[in-house]
Each structure stands twice: as C-alpha cells, then as structure tokens.
Amino acid sequence: MPAFDPRHRDGTLAGNITIAFYRISQAVQHMLRVRGEAAGLSPAQIHALLFLRAARPEVRTVGGLAGRLLTSYATASGVVDALERKGLLTRTPLPEDRRTVTLALTGAGERQAQELEDLLDEIEAAVEDLPEADQQALARATKAIVRRLQAAGHVKVYEMCWGCQFFRRDAHPLDPRGPHHCAFIDAPLPEEKTYFECPDFVPLEDSAWPGMDPKGGDGSLS
C-alpha cells in the first residue's frame, strides 16, 4: 500500500500523527504557493528573502542559502539570480576577500520580506487555540522530532544565540566588540547579532523551545 495513503498508517497513533504532519506540510506549501503567486515569487525565492532578513550577516552568501534550502550551490545561485533580476537583492564582494560574495536585501527586498512575516500566522493561531498543557506537550514532542530529523540531515536548524550551547551571556560586558561571547567561533558577540539566526546553533539540553529569549520575549525579529 502507498506510504502516503492514510490507510497505511491508520492503525497506530504514531501513524496518524505522521499523516497529520504531512497534511500540515501540504498546508505550508499551499500557503507558500498562494503568497508566491500574488508576489510573483517562487517558494524558494520566498525562503531566500526570509533567510536574508533573519540570518547572521556572515552566512548571507550563496553557500549559506544553499545550506538553508538544503539544495545545491547551483540551485541556490539560480534563486539569487532571479531575485537580483527582480531588484530584491544585491551581491557585494567582501573587501578583505573578493572571492566571497555577500548577499543583501534591497529596500524593495526588505519590504517584500517584511510582508511575508505573517505567512505562518494561520498555523500559529491554530496552535494557540489548543489548551496550554497541549501546547507544552506539543512543543516538547515536536522539538524532539526536529532534533532527530536534524541529526539525520533532513533539516538545517538556524536559531538565535540565547538558547545555544555556545552562547556565553555577558562574558565580557566592557568589551567594545560586544558583551557576549560565542564559544563556537571563540569571539565576542554584540547584542544585536544575538538576534540573528545562526547555522551553528546547538540547543541547550534543558532550554526552552529554540528561539525563545530567556529575557522574557520570544526572540522574534518582528
């Protein structure tokens, strides 16, 4: 029987949950297509705009985008080419290493990315309608599933510093380069960079959901 046939998994609770996740993924893809058609963007181009708005500046490259999209460098380069033609991003060689080209949103690109921030609001609203206890259980369960998929190489998690094992808050508060420290790169971190997503993120074992700000907010850039 086909793997995506609900009857194939209907006999177990895990199977039913798996089909539910698949249907949610279909909903996300539909939302991307609808929003993309309205804006003249492909789903990959939408992901690229959101990546360039949220990711740490050092990883805003074609290679960084390829990692985020879990695709080849050539495919990511094609996405960048299309967005550049639309006037939504620019390429700039690094002064210290002109072989490395960084990507930046134009004013139009920034506005377009900002308009996409509500893309998942409908799903978030559905989660918020659940009782608090169910939300807490769902957060723990989905976090564990994401970690397993990440370990298998099926997803690349980009999150912010505050829930990361490498983050050292207020390690050197008087350092003009930044009051915090990243143990992964062994370098100071300015406050503003801690709110960008980073591909080197490794969650604390006892941390809240990745992206949660221990200072009280949700860590959102919006």
N, C-alpha and C. Protein backbone atom coordinates (compact mmCIF):
# COMPACT_ATOMS: atom_id res chain seq x y z
N MET A 1 0.85 -1.18 0.00
CA MET A 1 0.00 0.00 0.00
C MET A 1 0.90 1.24 0.00
N PRO A 2 0.53 2.32 -0.70
CA PRO A 2 1.38 3.50 -0.79
C PRO A 2 1.69 4.09 0.58
N ALA A 3 2.92 4.59 0.74
CA ALA A 3 3.35 5.13 2.03
C ALA A 3 2.54 6.35 2.44
N PHE A 4 2.01 7.11 1.45
CA PHE A 4 1.29 8.32 1.78
C PHE A 4 -0.22 8.10 1.82
N ASP A 5 -0.63 6.87 1.69
CA ASP A 5 -2.04 6.51 1.83
C ASP A 5 -2.36 6.47 3.32
N PRO A 6 -3.30 7.32 3.81
CA PRO A 6 -3.61 7.33 5.25
C PRO A 6 -3.97 5.95 5.79
N ARG A 7 -4.56 5.05 4.93
CA ARG A 7 -4.93 3.72 5.42
C ARG A 7 -3.71 2.90 5.81
N HIS A 8 -2.55 3.26 5.22
CA HIS A 8 -1.31 2.53 5.51
C HIS A 8 -0.86 2.76 6.95
N ARG A 9 -1.21 3.90 7.54
CA ARG A 9 -0.73 4.25 8.88
C ARG A 9 -1.87 4.41 9.89
N ASP A 10 -3.06 4.04 9.48
CA ASP A 10 -4.23 4.33 10.32
C ASP A 10 -4.31 3.46 11.56
N GLY A 11 -3.49 2.42 11.63
CA GLY A 11 -3.62 1.50 12.74
C GLY A 11 -2.89 1.91 14.00
N THR A 12 -2.05 2.94 13.93
CA THR A 12 -1.28 3.34 15.12
C THR A 12 -1.41 4.84 15.36
N LEU A 13 -1.21 5.21 16.61
CA LEU A 13 -1.24 6.63 16.95
C LEU A 13 -0.11 7.37 16.26
N ALA A 14 1.10 6.77 16.26
CA ALA A 14 2.24 7.40 15.59
C ALA A 14 1.96 7.59 14.10
N GLY A 15 1.32 6.61 13.48
CA GLY A 15 0.98 6.72 12.07
C GLY A 15 0.02 7.86 11.80
N ASN A 16 -1.01 7.99 12.64
CA ASN A 16 -1.96 9.08 12.48
C ASN A 16 -1.30 10.44 12.65
N ILE A 17 -0.39 10.54 13.62
CA ILE A 17 0.32 11.80 13.84
C ILE A 17 1.21 12.12 12.65
N THR A 18 1.86 11.09 12.11
CA THR A 18 2.72 11.29 10.93
C THR A 18 1.92 11.84 9.76
N ILE A 19 0.74 11.28 9.50
CA ILE A 19 -0.11 11.79 8.42
C ILE A 19 -0.53 13.23 8.71
N ALA A 20 -0.79 13.55 9.98
CA ALA A 20 -1.17 14.92 10.33
C ALA A 20 -0.03 15.89 10.02
N PHE A 21 1.22 15.48 10.33
CA PHE A 21 2.37 16.33 9.99
C PHE A 21 2.47 16.52 8.47
N TYR A 22 2.21 15.45 7.74
CA TYR A 22 2.27 15.54 6.28
C TYR A 22 1.23 16.54 5.77
N ARG A 23 0.04 16.50 6.33
CA ARG A 23 -1.01 17.43 5.90
C ARG A 23 -0.66 18.87 6.27
N ILE A 24 -0.02 19.05 7.42
CA ILE A 24 0.43 20.39 7.79
C ILE A 24 1.47 20.89 6.80
N SER A 25 2.39 19.99 6.39
CA SER A 25 3.40 20.38 5.41
C SER A 25 2.75 20.75 4.09
N GLN A 26 1.67 20.05 3.70
CA GLN A 26 0.93 20.41 2.49
C GLN A 26 0.33 21.80 2.63
N ALA A 27 -0.18 22.11 3.82
CA ALA A 27 -0.77 23.43 4.05
C ALA A 27 0.28 24.52 3.92
N VAL A 28 1.48 24.28 4.47
CA VAL A 28 2.55 25.28 4.37
C VAL A 28 2.94 25.49 2.92
N GLN A 29 3.07 24.41 2.16
CA GLN A 29 3.42 24.54 0.75
C GLN A 29 2.34 25.29 -0.02
N HIS A 30 1.09 25.05 0.33
CA HIS A 30 -0.01 25.77 -0.33
C HIS A 30 0.05 27.25 0.00
N MET A 31 0.32 27.58 1.25
CA MET A 31 0.44 28.99 1.64
C MET A 31 1.58 29.66 0.89
N LEU A 32 2.69 28.95 0.74
CA LEU A 32 3.83 29.49 0.00
C LEU A 32 3.47 29.74 -1.46
N ARG A 33 2.76 28.79 -2.05
CA ARG A 33 2.38 28.96 -3.46
C ARG A 33 1.43 30.13 -3.65
N VAL A 34 0.42 30.21 -2.78
CA VAL A 34 -0.56 31.29 -2.90
C VAL A 34 0.11 32.65 -2.73
N ARG A 35 0.94 32.77 -1.68
CA ARG A 35 1.63 34.04 -1.43
C ARG A 35 2.62 34.33 -2.56
N GLY A 36 3.29 33.30 -3.05
CA GLY A 36 4.25 33.48 -4.12
C GLY A 36 3.59 33.95 -5.41
N GLU A 37 2.45 33.34 -5.74
CA GLU A 37 1.74 33.75 -6.96
C GLU A 37 1.32 35.21 -6.88
N ALA A 38 0.89 35.65 -5.71
CA ALA A 38 0.46 37.04 -5.54
C ALA A 38 1.64 38.01 -5.67
N ALA A 39 2.82 37.56 -5.23
CA ALA A 39 4.00 38.43 -5.23
C ALA A 39 4.92 38.19 -6.42
N GLY A 40 4.60 37.21 -7.24
CA GLY A 40 5.48 36.88 -8.36
C GLY A 40 6.77 36.22 -7.93
N LEU A 41 6.69 35.38 -6.88
CA LEU A 41 7.86 34.71 -6.32
C LEU A 41 7.63 33.21 -6.24
N SER A 42 8.70 32.44 -6.39
CA SER A 42 8.62 31.00 -6.17
C SER A 42 8.78 30.73 -4.68
N PRO A 43 8.36 29.54 -4.20
CA PRO A 43 8.58 29.21 -2.79
C PRO A 43 10.05 29.32 -2.38
N ALA A 44 10.98 28.91 -3.25
CA ALA A 44 12.41 29.02 -2.92
C ALA A 44 12.83 30.47 -2.79
N GLN A 45 12.28 31.35 -3.62
CA GLN A 45 12.61 32.77 -3.53
C GLN A 45 12.07 33.39 -2.25
N ILE A 46 10.89 32.92 -1.82
CA ILE A 46 10.34 33.39 -0.54
C ILE A 46 11.26 32.97 0.60
N HIS A 47 11.68 31.71 0.60
CA HIS A 47 12.60 31.23 1.64
C HIS A 47 13.90 32.05 1.64
N ALA A 48 14.39 32.39 0.46
CA ALA A 48 15.63 33.15 0.36
C ALA A 48 15.48 34.54 0.96
N LEU A 49 14.37 35.21 0.68
CA LEU A 49 14.14 36.55 1.24
C LEU A 49 14.08 36.50 2.76
N LEU A 50 13.36 35.52 3.30
CA LEU A 50 13.26 35.40 4.75
C LEU A 50 14.61 35.05 5.37
N PHE A 51 15.38 34.22 4.69
CA PHE A 51 16.73 33.88 5.16
C PHE A 51 17.61 35.12 5.23
N LEU A 52 17.61 35.92 4.19
CA LEU A 52 18.47 37.11 4.15
C LEU A 52 18.04 38.16 5.17
N ARG A 53 16.79 38.14 5.54
CA ARG A 53 16.31 39.10 6.55
C ARG A 53 16.69 38.66 7.96
N ALA A 54 16.76 37.35 8.20
CA ALA A 54 16.92 36.86 9.57
C ALA A 54 18.30 36.32 9.89
N ALA A 55 19.06 35.87 8.88
CA ALA A 55 20.31 35.17 9.15
C ALA A 55 21.43 36.13 9.54
N ARG A 56 22.39 35.59 10.27
CA ARG A 56 23.57 36.36 10.66
C ARG A 56 24.32 36.83 9.41
N PRO A 57 24.82 38.06 9.39
CA PRO A 57 25.44 38.61 8.18
C PRO A 57 26.52 37.74 7.56
N GLU A 58 27.32 37.03 8.38
CA GLU A 58 28.42 36.23 7.84
C GLU A 58 27.96 35.07 6.97
N VAL A 59 26.69 34.63 7.13
CA VAL A 59 26.23 33.48 6.35
C VAL A 59 25.29 33.90 5.22
N ARG A 60 25.18 35.18 4.98
CA ARG A 60 24.33 35.65 3.88
C ARG A 60 25.10 35.57 2.57
N THR A 61 25.34 34.35 2.14
CA THR A 61 26.08 34.06 0.91
C THR A 61 25.29 33.02 0.13
N VAL A 62 25.71 32.76 -1.10
CA VAL A 62 25.04 31.72 -1.88
C VAL A 62 25.20 30.37 -1.18
N GLY A 63 26.40 30.10 -0.65
CA GLY A 63 26.62 28.86 0.08
C GLY A 63 25.75 28.76 1.32
N GLY A 64 25.61 29.87 2.04
CA GLY A 64 24.75 29.88 3.22
C GLY A 64 23.30 29.62 2.85
N LEU A 65 22.86 30.21 1.74
CA LEU A 65 21.48 29.99 1.28
C LEU A 65 21.29 28.54 0.85
N ALA A 66 22.29 27.96 0.18
CA ALA A 66 22.20 26.56 -0.22
C ALA A 66 22.03 25.66 1.00
N GLY A 67 22.76 25.98 2.08
CA GLY A 67 22.63 25.21 3.31
C GLY A 67 21.24 25.35 3.90
N ARG A 68 20.69 26.55 3.86
CA ARG A 68 19.36 26.78 4.42
C ARG A 68 18.30 26.04 3.62
N LEU A 69 18.43 26.06 2.30
CA LEU A 69 17.44 25.41 1.44
C LEU A 69 17.69 23.92 1.29
N LEU A 70 18.83 23.43 1.81
CA LEU A 70 19.23 22.03 1.64
C LEU A 70 19.23 21.66 0.15
N THR A 71 19.89 22.51 -0.63
CA THR A 71 19.96 22.30 -2.06
C THR A 71 21.39 22.52 -2.53
N SER A 72 21.62 22.39 -3.83
CA SER A 72 22.96 22.56 -4.36
C SER A 72 23.32 24.04 -4.49
N TYR A 73 24.62 24.30 -4.60
CA TYR A 73 25.10 25.67 -4.78
C TYR A 73 24.52 26.25 -6.08
N ALA A 74 24.49 25.44 -7.14
CA ALA A 74 24.00 25.92 -8.42
C ALA A 74 22.52 26.31 -8.34
N THR A 75 21.73 25.51 -7.64
CA THR A 75 20.30 25.82 -7.50
C THR A 75 20.11 27.11 -6.70
N ALA A 76 20.86 27.25 -5.59
CA ALA A 76 20.77 28.47 -4.79
C ALA A 76 21.21 29.68 -5.59
N SER A 77 22.24 29.51 -6.41
CA SER A 77 22.72 30.61 -7.25
C SER A 77 21.64 31.04 -8.24
N GLY A 78 20.88 30.08 -8.76
CA GLY A 78 19.78 30.42 -9.66
C GLY A 78 18.70 31.22 -8.96
N VAL A 79 18.41 30.87 -7.69
CA VAL A 79 17.43 31.63 -6.91
C VAL A 79 17.92 33.06 -6.71
N VAL A 80 19.21 33.20 -6.40
CA VAL A 80 19.79 34.53 -6.21
C VAL A 80 19.73 35.34 -7.50
N ASP A 81 20.04 34.70 -8.62
CA ASP A 81 19.98 35.38 -9.92
C ASP A 81 18.59 35.96 -10.17
N ALA A 82 17.57 35.15 -9.89
CA ALA A 82 16.19 35.57 -10.14
C ALA A 82 15.81 36.76 -9.25
N LEU A 83 16.20 36.70 -7.98
CA LEU A 83 15.88 37.79 -7.06
C LEU A 83 16.65 39.06 -7.42
N GLU A 84 17.87 38.89 -7.92
CA GLU A 84 18.66 40.04 -8.34
C GLU A 84 18.00 40.72 -9.55
N ARG A 85 17.50 39.92 -10.48
CA ARG A 85 16.80 40.48 -11.64
C ARG A 85 15.54 41.23 -11.23
N LYS A 86 14.90 40.77 -10.17
CA LYS A 86 13.69 41.44 -9.68
C LYS A 86 14.00 42.68 -8.85
N GLY A 87 15.29 42.94 -8.61
CA GLY A 87 15.68 44.10 -7.82
C GLY A 87 15.47 43.93 -6.33
N LEU A 88 15.44 42.68 -5.86
CA LEU A 88 15.16 42.42 -4.45
C LEU A 88 16.41 42.14 -3.62
N LEU A 89 17.55 41.90 -4.29
CA LEU A 89 18.80 41.73 -3.55
C LEU A 89 19.97 42.19 -4.40
N THR A 90 21.10 42.38 -3.73
CA THR A 90 22.34 42.75 -4.40
C THR A 90 23.46 41.83 -3.94
N ARG A 91 24.49 41.69 -4.77
CA ARG A 91 25.69 40.92 -4.43
C ARG A 91 26.82 41.92 -4.23
N THR A 92 27.61 41.71 -3.17
CA THR A 92 28.74 42.59 -2.89
C THR A 92 29.94 41.76 -2.45
N PRO A 93 31.06 41.82 -3.18
CA PRO A 93 32.27 41.11 -2.73
C PRO A 93 32.79 41.70 -1.43
N LEU A 94 33.28 40.83 -0.55
CA LEU A 94 33.88 41.30 0.69
C LEU A 94 35.18 42.05 0.36
N PRO A 95 35.41 43.23 0.95
CA PRO A 95 36.64 43.97 0.66
C PRO A 95 37.90 43.18 0.99
N GLU A 96 37.85 42.38 2.09
CA GLU A 96 39.03 41.64 2.51
C GLU A 96 39.24 40.34 1.73
N ASP A 97 38.19 39.87 1.05
CA ASP A 97 38.30 38.65 0.25
C ASP A 97 37.27 38.72 -0.86
N ARG A 98 37.66 39.24 -2.00
CA ARG A 98 36.72 39.50 -3.08
C ARG A 98 36.20 38.21 -3.73
N ARG A 99 36.75 37.06 -3.32
CA ARG A 99 36.21 35.80 -3.81
C ARG A 99 34.91 35.46 -3.11
N THR A 100 34.68 36.05 -1.94
CA THR A 100 33.47 35.80 -1.17
C THR A 100 32.46 36.89 -1.47
N VAL A 101 31.30 36.51 -1.96
CA VAL A 101 30.25 37.46 -2.31
C VAL A 101 29.14 37.36 -1.28
N THR A 102 28.82 38.48 -0.67
CA THR A 102 27.73 38.51 0.30
C THR A 102 26.46 39.01 -0.38
N LEU A 103 25.33 38.63 0.18
CA LEU A 103 24.03 38.99 -0.36
C LEU A 103 23.32 39.92 0.61
N ALA A 104 22.64 40.90 0.08
CA ALA A 104 21.90 41.84 0.92
C ALA A 104 20.59 42.21 0.25
N LEU A 105 19.55 42.35 1.04
CA LEU A 105 18.26 42.78 0.51
C LEU A 105 18.32 44.25 0.12
N THR A 106 17.70 44.58 -0.99
CA THR A 106 17.50 45.98 -1.34
C THR A 106 16.33 46.51 -0.50
N GLY A 107 16.03 47.80 -0.65
CA GLY A 107 14.88 48.34 0.06
C GLY A 107 13.61 47.61 -0.33
N ALA A 108 13.46 47.33 -1.62
CA ALA A 108 12.28 46.60 -2.09
C ALA A 108 12.27 45.18 -1.54
N GLY A 109 13.45 44.56 -1.47
CA GLY A 109 13.54 43.21 -0.92
C GLY A 109 13.19 43.16 0.55
N GLU A 110 13.64 44.16 1.29
CA GLU A 110 13.33 44.24 2.72
C GLU A 110 11.83 44.40 2.93
N ARG A 111 11.20 45.23 2.13
CA ARG A 111 9.75 45.42 2.25
C ARG A 111 9.00 44.14 1.90
N GLN A 112 9.47 43.46 0.85
CA GLN A 112 8.82 42.22 0.46
C GLN A 112 8.97 41.16 1.56
N ALA A 113 10.16 41.05 2.12
CA ALA A 113 10.39 40.08 3.19
C ALA A 113 9.53 40.38 4.41
N GLN A 114 9.39 41.64 4.72
CA GLN A 114 8.58 42.03 5.88
C GLN A 114 7.12 41.66 5.66
N GLU A 115 6.66 41.79 4.43
CA GLU A 115 5.27 41.44 4.12
C GLU A 115 5.02 39.94 4.23
N LEU A 116 6.08 39.14 4.20
CA LEU A 116 5.95 37.69 4.27
C LEU A 116 5.97 37.16 5.70
N GLU A 117 6.24 38.03 6.67
CA GLU A 117 6.42 37.58 8.05
C GLU A 117 5.16 36.94 8.63
N ASP A 118 3.99 37.25 8.08
CA ASP A 118 2.76 36.69 8.63
C ASP A 118 2.36 35.39 7.95
N LEU A 119 3.26 34.81 7.18
CA LEU A 119 2.94 33.64 6.36
C LEU A 119 2.40 32.47 7.19
N LEU A 120 2.94 32.29 8.38
CA LEU A 120 2.56 31.13 9.20
C LEU A 120 1.57 31.49 10.31
N ASP A 121 0.99 32.69 10.24
CA ASP A 121 0.09 33.13 11.30
C ASP A 121 -1.10 32.20 11.48
N GLU A 122 -1.63 31.66 10.38
CA GLU A 122 -2.81 30.81 10.49
C GLU A 122 -2.50 29.54 11.26
N ILE A 123 -1.33 28.98 11.01
CA ILE A 123 -0.93 27.77 11.76
C ILE A 123 -0.69 28.12 13.22
N GLU A 124 -0.03 29.25 13.47
CA GLU A 124 0.20 29.67 14.86
C GLU A 124 -1.12 29.88 15.59
N ALA A 125 -2.11 30.45 14.91
CA ALA A 125 -3.41 30.67 15.53
C ALA A 125 -4.07 29.34 15.90
N ALA A 126 -3.91 28.33 15.04
CA ALA A 126 -4.47 27.01 15.34
C ALA A 126 -3.81 26.41 16.57
N VAL A 127 -2.49 26.61 16.71
CA VAL A 127 -1.78 26.11 17.89
C VAL A 127 -2.22 26.86 19.14
N GLU A 128 -2.39 28.16 19.02
CA GLU A 128 -2.80 28.97 20.17
C GLU A 128 -4.19 28.62 20.67
N ASP A 129 -5.01 28.03 19.81
CA ASP A 129 -6.36 27.61 20.23
C ASP A 129 -6.33 26.37 21.12
N LEU A 130 -5.19 25.67 21.14
CA LEU A 130 -5.07 24.48 21.97
C LEU A 130 -4.92 24.89 23.44
N PRO A 131 -5.35 24.03 24.37
CA PRO A 131 -5.10 24.30 25.79
C PRO A 131 -3.60 24.42 26.06
N GLU A 132 -3.24 25.18 27.07
CA GLU A 132 -1.84 25.43 27.39
C GLU A 132 -1.07 24.13 27.59
N ALA A 133 -1.67 23.18 28.28
CA ALA A 133 -0.98 21.90 28.52
C ALA A 133 -0.70 21.18 27.21
N ASP A 134 -1.64 21.23 26.29
CA ASP A 134 -1.42 20.60 24.98
C ASP A 134 -0.32 21.31 24.20
N GLN A 135 -0.27 22.63 24.30
CA GLN A 135 0.80 23.38 23.63
C GLN A 135 2.16 23.00 24.19
N GLN A 136 2.27 22.86 25.50
CA GLN A 136 3.54 22.49 26.12
C GLN A 136 3.97 21.09 25.68
N ALA A 137 3.02 20.16 25.65
CA ALA A 137 3.33 18.79 25.22
C ALA A 137 3.72 18.77 23.75
N LEU A 138 3.02 19.56 22.94
CA LEU A 138 3.33 19.61 21.50
C LEU A 138 4.71 20.21 21.27
N ALA A 139 5.06 21.24 22.05
CA ALA A 139 6.37 21.86 21.92
C ALA A 139 7.48 20.87 22.23
N ARG A 140 7.32 20.10 23.32
CA ARG A 140 8.34 19.11 23.68
C ARG A 140 8.45 18.03 22.60
N ALA A 141 7.30 17.56 22.13
CA ALA A 141 7.30 16.46 21.16
C ALA A 141 7.89 16.90 19.83
N THR A 142 7.45 18.03 19.32
CA THR A 142 7.94 18.47 18.02
C THR A 142 9.41 18.85 18.08
N LYS A 143 9.86 19.37 19.22
CA LYS A 143 11.28 19.68 19.38
C LYS A 143 12.12 18.41 19.26
N ALA A 144 11.65 17.34 19.88
CA ALA A 144 12.38 16.07 19.80
C ALA A 144 12.40 15.53 18.38
N ILE A 145 11.28 15.67 17.67
CA ILE A 145 11.21 15.19 16.29
C ILE A 145 12.15 15.98 15.40
N VAL A 146 12.16 17.31 15.57
CA VAL A 146 13.04 18.16 14.76
C VAL A 146 14.50 17.79 14.99
N ARG A 147 14.87 17.55 16.25
CA ARG A 147 16.26 17.18 16.56
C ARG A 147 16.65 15.88 15.87
N ARG A 148 15.72 14.91 15.86
CA ARG A 148 16.03 13.64 15.20
C ARG A 148 16.17 13.82 13.68
N LEU A 149 15.29 14.62 13.09
CA LEU A 149 15.39 14.90 11.66
C LEU A 149 16.64 15.69 11.33
N GLN A 150 17.03 16.58 12.23
CA GLN A 150 18.27 17.35 12.05
C GLN A 150 19.48 16.41 12.07
N ALA A 151 19.49 15.49 13.03
CA ALA A 151 20.61 14.56 13.13
C ALA A 151 20.71 13.66 11.90
N ALA A 152 19.57 13.40 11.26
CA ALA A 152 19.56 12.56 10.06
C ALA A 152 19.87 13.36 8.80
N GLY A 153 20.04 14.69 8.94
CA GLY A 153 20.39 15.52 7.81
C GLY A 153 19.22 15.98 6.96
N HIS A 154 18.00 15.84 7.48
CA HIS A 154 16.82 16.22 6.70
C HIS A 154 16.40 17.67 6.92
N VAL A 155 16.97 18.33 7.92
CA VAL A 155 16.61 19.71 8.19
C VAL A 155 17.84 20.42 8.74
N LYS A 156 17.98 21.69 8.39
CA LYS A 156 19.06 22.52 8.91
C LYS A 156 18.45 23.57 9.82
N VAL A 157 18.78 23.51 11.09
CA VAL A 157 18.18 24.41 12.07
C VAL A 157 19.02 25.67 12.21
N TYR A 158 18.40 26.80 11.91
CA TYR A 158 19.02 28.11 12.14
C TYR A 158 18.25 28.76 13.29
N GLU A 159 18.93 29.01 14.40
CA GLU A 159 18.26 29.68 15.52
C GLU A 159 19.17 30.74 16.10
N MET A 160 18.64 31.46 17.09
CA MET A 160 19.37 32.57 17.70
C MET A 160 20.19 32.11 18.90
N CYS A 161 21.05 32.98 19.35
CA CYS A 161 22.07 32.63 20.33
C CYS A 161 21.53 32.24 21.70
N TRP A 162 20.41 32.80 22.10
CA TRP A 162 20.03 32.73 23.50
C TRP A 162 19.76 31.32 24.02
N GLY A 163 19.42 30.38 23.13
CA GLY A 163 19.21 29.01 23.58
C GLY A 163 20.29 28.07 23.11
N CYS A 164 21.48 28.62 22.78
CA CYS A 164 22.55 27.82 22.18
C CYS A 164 23.62 27.44 23.21
N GLN A 165 24.16 26.23 23.06
CA GLN A 165 25.20 25.76 23.97
C GLN A 165 26.48 26.59 23.88
N PHE A 166 26.70 27.26 22.77
CA PHE A 166 27.93 28.03 22.58
C PHE A 166 27.82 29.46 23.09
N PHE A 167 26.64 29.88 23.51
CA PHE A 167 26.42 31.27 23.90
C PHE A 167 26.84 31.52 25.35
N ARG A 168 27.64 32.56 25.56
CA ARG A 168 28.06 32.96 26.90
C ARG A 168 27.58 34.39 27.14
N ARG A 169 26.49 34.50 27.85
CA ARG A 169 25.88 35.81 28.08
C ARG A 169 26.73 36.67 29.02
N ASP A 170 26.94 37.92 28.61
CA ASP A 170 27.67 38.91 29.43
C ASP A 170 29.04 38.39 29.86
N ALA A 171 29.72 37.68 28.98
CA ALA A 171 31.04 37.14 29.31
C ALA A 171 32.09 38.22 29.49
N HIS A 172 32.00 39.29 28.73
CA HIS A 172 32.91 40.43 28.87
C HIS A 172 32.15 41.72 28.57
N PRO A 173 31.39 42.20 29.57
CA PRO A 173 30.47 43.32 29.37
C PRO A 173 31.14 44.63 28.97
N LEU A 174 32.44 44.78 29.20
CA LEU A 174 33.12 46.03 28.87
C LEU A 174 33.84 45.99 27.53
N ASP A 175 33.79 44.85 26.84
CA ASP A 175 34.48 44.73 25.55
C ASP A 175 33.72 45.52 24.49
N PRO A 176 34.35 46.48 23.83
CA PRO A 176 33.65 47.27 22.81
C PRO A 176 33.18 46.45 21.62
N ARG A 177 33.76 45.26 21.43
CA ARG A 177 33.35 44.41 20.30
C ARG A 177 32.04 43.70 20.59
N GLY A 178 31.63 43.65 21.85
CA GLY A 178 30.38 43.01 22.23
C GLY A 178 30.45 42.43 23.62
N PRO A 179 29.34 42.47 24.38
CA PRO A 179 29.36 42.00 25.76
C PRO A 179 29.26 40.48 25.90
N HIS A 180 28.76 39.81 24.87
CA HIS A 180 28.57 38.35 24.95
C HIS A 180 29.70 37.63 24.23
N HIS A 181 29.68 36.29 24.29
CA HIS A 181 30.75 35.52 23.67
C HIS A 181 30.17 34.29 22.99
N CYS A 182 30.71 33.95 21.81
CA CYS A 182 30.36 32.72 21.12
C CYS A 182 31.54 31.76 21.24
N ALA A 183 31.33 30.65 21.93
CA ALA A 183 32.40 29.68 22.11
C ALA A 183 32.69 28.90 20.83
N PHE A 184 31.75 28.87 19.90
CA PHE A 184 31.98 28.14 18.65
C PHE A 184 33.05 28.83 17.81
N ILE A 185 32.95 30.16 17.68
CA ILE A 185 33.95 30.90 16.91
C ILE A 185 34.97 31.57 17.82
N ASP A 186 34.79 31.41 19.15
CA ASP A 186 35.68 32.00 20.15
C ASP A 186 35.88 33.49 19.89
N ALA A 187 34.76 34.22 19.89
CA ALA A 187 34.80 35.64 19.60
C ALA A 187 33.67 36.35 20.32
N PRO A 188 33.88 37.65 20.62
CA PRO A 188 32.81 38.43 21.24
C PRO A 188 31.61 38.58 20.32
N LEU A 189 30.45 38.79 20.92
CA LEU A 189 29.22 38.99 20.15
C LEU A 189 28.54 40.27 20.60
N PRO A 190 28.28 41.19 19.68
CA PRO A 190 27.48 42.35 20.04
C PRO A 190 26.03 41.94 20.27
N GLU A 191 25.32 42.68 21.05
CA GLU A 191 23.93 42.35 21.40
C GLU A 191 23.07 42.12 20.16
N GLU A 192 23.18 43.01 19.17
CA GLU A 192 22.29 42.91 18.02
C GLU A 192 22.49 41.63 17.22
N LYS A 193 23.70 41.08 17.21
CA LYS A 193 23.94 39.86 16.45
C LYS A 193 23.32 38.63 17.11
N THR A 194 23.02 38.71 18.39
CA THR A 194 22.44 37.56 19.07
C THR A 194 21.00 37.30 18.62
N TYR A 195 20.40 38.24 17.92
CA TYR A 195 19.02 38.09 17.48
C TYR A 195 18.92 37.67 16.01
N PHE A 196 20.07 37.38 15.39
CA PHE A 196 20.06 36.79 14.06
C PHE A 196 20.14 35.28 14.17
N GLU A 197 19.60 34.59 13.17
CA GLU A 197 19.66 33.13 13.16
C GLU A 197 21.04 32.68 12.71
N CYS A 198 21.52 31.57 13.30
CA CYS A 198 22.87 31.09 13.02
C CYS A 198 22.84 29.59 12.71
N PRO A 199 23.55 29.14 11.67
CA PRO A 199 23.55 27.72 11.32
C PRO A 199 24.36 26.85 12.28
N ASP A 200 25.15 27.46 13.14
CA ASP A 200 25.97 26.70 14.09
C ASP A 200 25.25 26.49 15.42
N PHE A 201 23.99 26.85 15.48
CA PHE A 201 23.19 26.72 16.69
C PHE A 201 23.11 25.27 17.16
N VAL A 202 23.40 25.06 18.44
CA VAL A 202 23.21 23.76 19.09
C VAL A 202 22.41 24.02 20.35
N PRO A 203 21.20 23.46 20.47
CA PRO A 203 20.34 23.82 21.59
C PRO A 203 20.85 23.31 22.93
N LEU A 204 20.57 24.09 23.96
CA LEU A 204 20.82 23.62 25.32
C LEU A 204 19.90 22.44 25.60
N GLU A 205 20.39 21.48 26.32
CA GLU A 205 19.58 20.30 26.60
C GLU A 205 18.33 20.64 27.39
N ASP A 206 18.43 21.64 28.27
CA ASP A 206 17.31 22.00 29.11
C ASP A 206 16.71 23.33 28.70
N SER A 207 16.98 23.76 27.46
CA SER A 207 16.50 25.07 27.03
C SER A 207 15.03 25.02 26.68
N ALA A 208 14.44 26.22 26.60
CA ALA A 208 13.09 26.33 26.09
C ALA A 208 13.12 26.06 24.60
N TRP A 209 11.96 26.15 23.96
CA TRP A 209 11.91 25.94 22.52
C TRP A 209 12.92 26.84 21.83
N PRO A 210 13.69 26.32 20.86
CA PRO A 210 14.70 27.13 20.18
C PRO A 210 14.12 28.45 19.68
N GLY A 211 14.85 29.55 19.95
CA GLY A 211 14.38 30.85 19.56
C GLY A 211 13.79 31.64 20.71
N MET A 212 13.49 30.94 21.83
CA MET A 212 12.93 31.64 22.98
C MET A 212 14.00 32.48 23.66
N ASP A 213 13.66 33.68 23.99
CA ASP A 213 14.58 34.61 24.63
C ASP A 213 14.41 34.51 26.13
N PRO A 214 15.44 34.08 26.90
CA PRO A 214 15.31 33.92 28.34
C PRO A 214 15.04 35.23 29.07
N LYS A 215 15.17 36.35 28.36
CA LYS A 215 14.92 37.64 29.00
C LYS A 215 13.42 37.96 29.02
N GLY A 216 12.63 37.08 28.39
CA GLY A 216 11.19 37.27 28.52
C GLY A 216 10.43 37.31 27.22
N GLY A 217 11.07 37.63 26.09
CA GLY A 217 10.37 37.68 24.82
C GLY A 217 10.46 36.37 24.11
N ASP A 218 10.00 36.37 22.86
CA ASP A 218 10.06 35.14 22.08
C ASP A 218 11.21 35.12 21.12
N GLY A 219 12.06 36.16 21.17
CA GLY A 219 13.21 36.21 20.33
C GLY A 219 12.93 36.62 18.91
N SER A 220 11.69 36.99 18.62
CA SER A 220 11.32 37.31 17.26
C SER A 220 11.93 38.63 16.81
N LEU A 221 12.27 38.70 15.53
CA LEU A 221 12.79 39.94 14.96
C LEU A 221 11.66 40.87 14.57
N SER A 222 10.45 40.35 14.50
CA SER A 222 9.34 41.18 14.04
C SER A 222 8.67 41.86 15.21
